[in-house]
């Protein structure tokens, strides 16, 4: 488990404990303490839902970044292979042997 996740979880628990303790010391305290048990379950479900939403968003971004990186690597490999192939096969056919000619030929192969 990620250390940052553990730290934020502990901070969240401490914050909730502080809020509950603060509410028991105020005039709203008896109303909070005398609430039915299912109200607390609803509160916990809302908090859990928010935490899972944030976790899912972060996880989706990581997966998307991995996919982008792998596709980028594949494109670069394909580009370098086709460029090498062009250099090997078209050196004899090109008259100028300039990089512009190689790039134009490469564009033809990349399509």
Protein backbone atom coordinates (compact mmCIF):
# COMPACT_ATOMS: atom_id res chain seq x y z
CA UNK A 1 0.00 0.00 0.00
CA UNK A 2 1.18 3.49 -0.81
CA UNK A 3 2.54 5.42 2.21
CA UNK A 4 0.65 8.54 1.17
CA UNK A 5 -2.61 6.59 1.20
CA UNK A 6 -1.90 5.34 4.70
CA UNK A 7 -1.06 8.84 5.94
CA UNK A 8 -4.23 10.34 4.44
CA UNK A 9 -6.33 7.52 5.86
CA UNK A 10 -4.93 8.10 9.34
CA UNK A 11 -5.46 11.85 9.01
CA UNK A 12 -9.05 11.26 7.89
CA UNK A 13 -9.75 9.02 10.87
CA UNK A 14 -8.21 11.55 13.24
CA UNK A 15 -10.26 14.33 11.68
CA UNK A 16 -13.49 12.36 12.01
CA UNK A 17 -12.69 11.54 15.62
CA UNK A 18 -12.00 15.21 16.30
CA UNK A 19 -15.31 16.23 14.68
CA UNK A 20 -17.29 13.66 16.66
CA UNK A 21 -15.55 14.72 19.88
CA UNK A 22 -16.19 18.39 19.10
CA UNK A 23 -19.87 17.72 18.43
CA UNK A 24 -20.26 15.90 21.73
CA UNK A 25 -18.96 18.98 23.56
CA UNK A 26 -21.38 21.41 21.87
CA UNK A 27 -25.15 21.80 22.08
CA UNK A 28 -25.51 19.66 18.94
CA UNK A 29 -23.75 16.85 20.77
CA UNK A 30 -26.81 15.11 22.26
CA UNK A 31 -28.51 15.11 18.84
CA UNK A 32 -25.48 13.51 17.25
CA UNK A 33 -25.03 10.94 19.98
CA UNK A 34 -28.70 10.03 20.06
CA UNK A 35 -28.90 9.50 16.27
CA UNK A 36 -29.80 5.95 15.15
CA UNK A 37 -27.00 3.61 14.15
CA UNK A 38 -28.01 3.53 10.49
CA UNK A 39 -27.30 7.28 10.20
CA UNK A 40 -23.66 6.56 11.02
CA UNK A 41 -23.66 3.80 8.43
CA UNK A 42 -24.91 6.30 5.83
CA UNK A 43 -22.16 8.75 6.83
CA UNK A 44 -19.53 6.05 6.49
CA UNK A 45 -20.96 4.97 3.12
CA UNK A 46 -20.75 8.56 1.83
CA UNK A 47 -17.16 8.91 3.00
CA UNK A 48 -16.24 5.51 1.54
CA UNK A 49 -17.88 6.45 -1.74
CA UNK A 50 -15.83 9.65 -1.94
CA UNK A 51 -12.61 7.82 -1.16
CA UNK A 52 -13.30 5.18 -3.79
CA UNK A 53 -14.14 7.87 -6.36
CA UNK A 54 -10.80 9.57 -5.80
CA UNK A 55 -8.98 6.22 -5.89
CA UNK A 56 -10.71 5.29 -9.17
CA UNK A 57 -9.85 8.61 -10.80
CA UNK A 58 -6.19 8.26 -9.82
CA UNK A 59 -6.09 4.64 -11.01
CA UNK A 60 -7.68 5.52 -14.36
CA UNK A 61 -5.13 8.30 -14.91
CA UNK A 62 -2.28 5.89 -14.19
CA UNK A 63 -3.67 3.29 -16.60
CA UNK A 64 -4.22 5.91 -19.27
CA UNK A 65 -0.66 7.18 -18.85
CA UNK A 66 0.72 3.63 -19.17
CA UNK A 67 -1.27 3.07 -22.36
CA UNK A 68 -0.04 6.36 -23.82
CA UNK A 69 3.57 5.48 -22.97
CA UNK A 70 3.38 2.01 -24.53
CA UNK A 71 1.73 3.34 -27.68
CA UNK A 72 4.41 6.03 -27.90
CA UNK A 73 7.16 3.44 -27.57
CA UNK A 74 5.59 1.30 -30.30
CA UNK A 75 5.30 4.28 -32.63
CA UNK A 76 8.93 5.27 -32.01
CA UNK A 77 10.12 1.72 -32.63
CA UNK A 78 8.10 1.55 -35.84
CA UNK A 79 9.41 4.96 -36.91
CA UNK A 80 13.04 4.02 -36.23
CA UNK A 81 12.68 0.67 -37.99
CA UNK A 82 11.14 2.23 -41.06
CA UNK A 83 13.77 4.97 -41.08
CA UNK A 84 16.57 2.38 -40.93
CA UNK A 85 14.86 0.37 -43.64
CA UNK A 86 14.63 3.50 -45.77
CA UNK A 87 18.28 4.32 -45.26
CA UNK A 88 19.32 0.82 -46.28
CA UNK A 89 17.04 0.32 -49.28
CA UNK A 90 16.76 3.81 -50.75
CA UNK A 91 20.37 4.97 -50.61
CA UNK A 92 20.96 3.64 -54.08
CA UNK A 93 17.68 4.95 -55.53
CA UNK A 94 17.84 8.48 -54.14
CA UNK A 95 19.82 10.94 -56.16
CA UNK A 96 20.53 13.56 -53.53
CA UNK A 97 20.81 11.39 -50.40
CA UNK A 98 19.50 14.34 -48.40
CA UNK A 99 17.50 14.09 -45.23
CA UNK A 100 14.52 15.76 -46.89
CA UNK A 101 14.35 12.96 -49.43
CA UNK A 102 14.60 10.39 -46.65
CA UNK A 103 11.84 12.12 -44.70
CA UNK A 104 9.58 12.24 -47.75
CA UNK A 105 10.14 8.56 -48.38
CA UNK A 106 9.57 7.83 -44.71
CA UNK A 107 6.21 9.62 -44.79
CA UNK A 108 5.19 7.39 -47.66
CA UNK A 109 6.02 4.26 -45.67
CA UNK A 110 4.43 5.47 -42.45
CA UNK A 111 0.95 5.73 -43.93
